Amino acid sequence: MVTPRKRRWKWIGHTLRKSSNCITRQALTWNPEGKRTRGRPKNTLRRIIEADMKTMNYNWKQLERIA
């Protein structure tokens, strides 16, 4: 059985190999500015990815090179 984390990283690798003007890659690497409204922080795909990257000691540049 494939775990959600494994599928997520497979998709991330696929997306990072696309050209830089592809909309899915732009959406994945886009960093929105400003503040959110009050309340519980939203669990976004970007936050989940960055938490996984932190545990593996990777950054976006290293992921692009690996993909």
Protein backbone atom coordinates (compact mmCIF):
# COMPACT_ATOMS: atom_id res chain seq x y z
CA MET A 1 0.00 0.00 0.00
CA VAL A 2 1.33 3.42 -0.94
CA THR A 3 1.34 5.98 1.85
CA PRO A 4 0.04 9.51 1.28
CA ARG A 5 3.50 10.93 2.01
CA LYS A 6 5.09 8.77 -0.69
CA ARG A 7 2.46 9.80 -3.25
CA ARG A 8 2.86 13.45 -2.26
CA TRP A 9 6.64 13.35 -2.78
CA LYS A 10 6.21 11.55 -6.09
CA TRP A 11 3.87 14.33 -7.25
CA ILE A 12 6.25 17.03 -5.97
CA GLY A 13 9.14 15.52 -7.93
CA HIS A 14 6.95 15.35 -11.04
CA THR A 15 5.89 18.98 -10.60
CA LEU A 16 9.41 20.29 -9.96
CA ARG A 17 10.64 18.68 -13.19
CA LYS A 18 8.15 20.74 -15.21
CA SER A 19 9.15 24.05 -16.79
CA SER A 20 9.23 27.11 -14.55
CA ASN A 21 6.31 28.77 -16.38
CA CYS A 22 3.97 25.80 -15.77
CA ILE A 23 1.04 26.86 -13.57
CA THR A 24 1.25 23.84 -11.24
CA ARG A 25 4.93 24.50 -10.53
CA GLN A 26 4.25 28.19 -9.95
CA ALA A 27 1.45 27.30 -7.52
CA LEU A 28 3.72 24.88 -5.65
CA THR A 29 6.65 27.29 -5.28
CA TRP A 30 4.58 30.48 -4.82
CA ASN A 31 5.03 32.16 -1.45
CA PRO A 32 2.02 34.38 -0.64
CA GLU A 33 2.70 37.62 1.17
CA GLY A 34 0.69 39.26 3.90
CA LYS A 35 -0.99 37.88 6.98
CA ARG A 36 -3.89 35.52 7.38
CA THR A 37 -6.90 36.23 9.52
CA ARG A 38 -7.08 35.18 13.13
CA GLY A 39 -7.76 31.62 14.10
CA ARG A 40 -6.25 28.20 13.75
CA PRO A 41 -3.48 28.02 11.12
CA LYS A 42 -4.58 26.27 7.96
CA ASN A 43 -2.75 23.08 7.01
CA THR A 44 -1.75 23.82 3.45
CA LEU A 45 0.17 21.54 1.12
CA ARG A 46 3.08 23.99 1.20
CA ARG A 47 3.28 23.87 5.01
CA ILE A 48 3.18 20.07 5.00
CA ILE A 49 5.94 19.95 2.36
CA GLU A 50 8.10 22.43 4.27
CA ALA A 51 7.66 20.44 7.50
CA ASP A 52 8.79 17.28 5.68
CA MET A 53 11.72 19.16 4.14
CA LYS A 54 12.77 20.38 7.58
CA THR A 55 12.89 16.83 8.94
CA MET A 56 14.96 15.71 5.92
CA ASN A 57 17.23 18.81 6.00
CA TYR A 58 16.37 19.88 2.43
CA ASN A 59 15.42 23.21 0.92
CA TRP A 60 13.62 24.11 -2.33
CA LYS A 61 16.86 24.43 -4.35
CA GLN A 62 18.04 20.98 -3.27
CA LEU A 63 14.65 19.45 -4.12
CA GLU A 64 14.74 20.97 -7.61
CA ARG A 65 18.22 19.54 -8.14
CA ILE A 66 17.18 16.07 -6.92
CA ALA A 67 13.95 16.02 -8.96
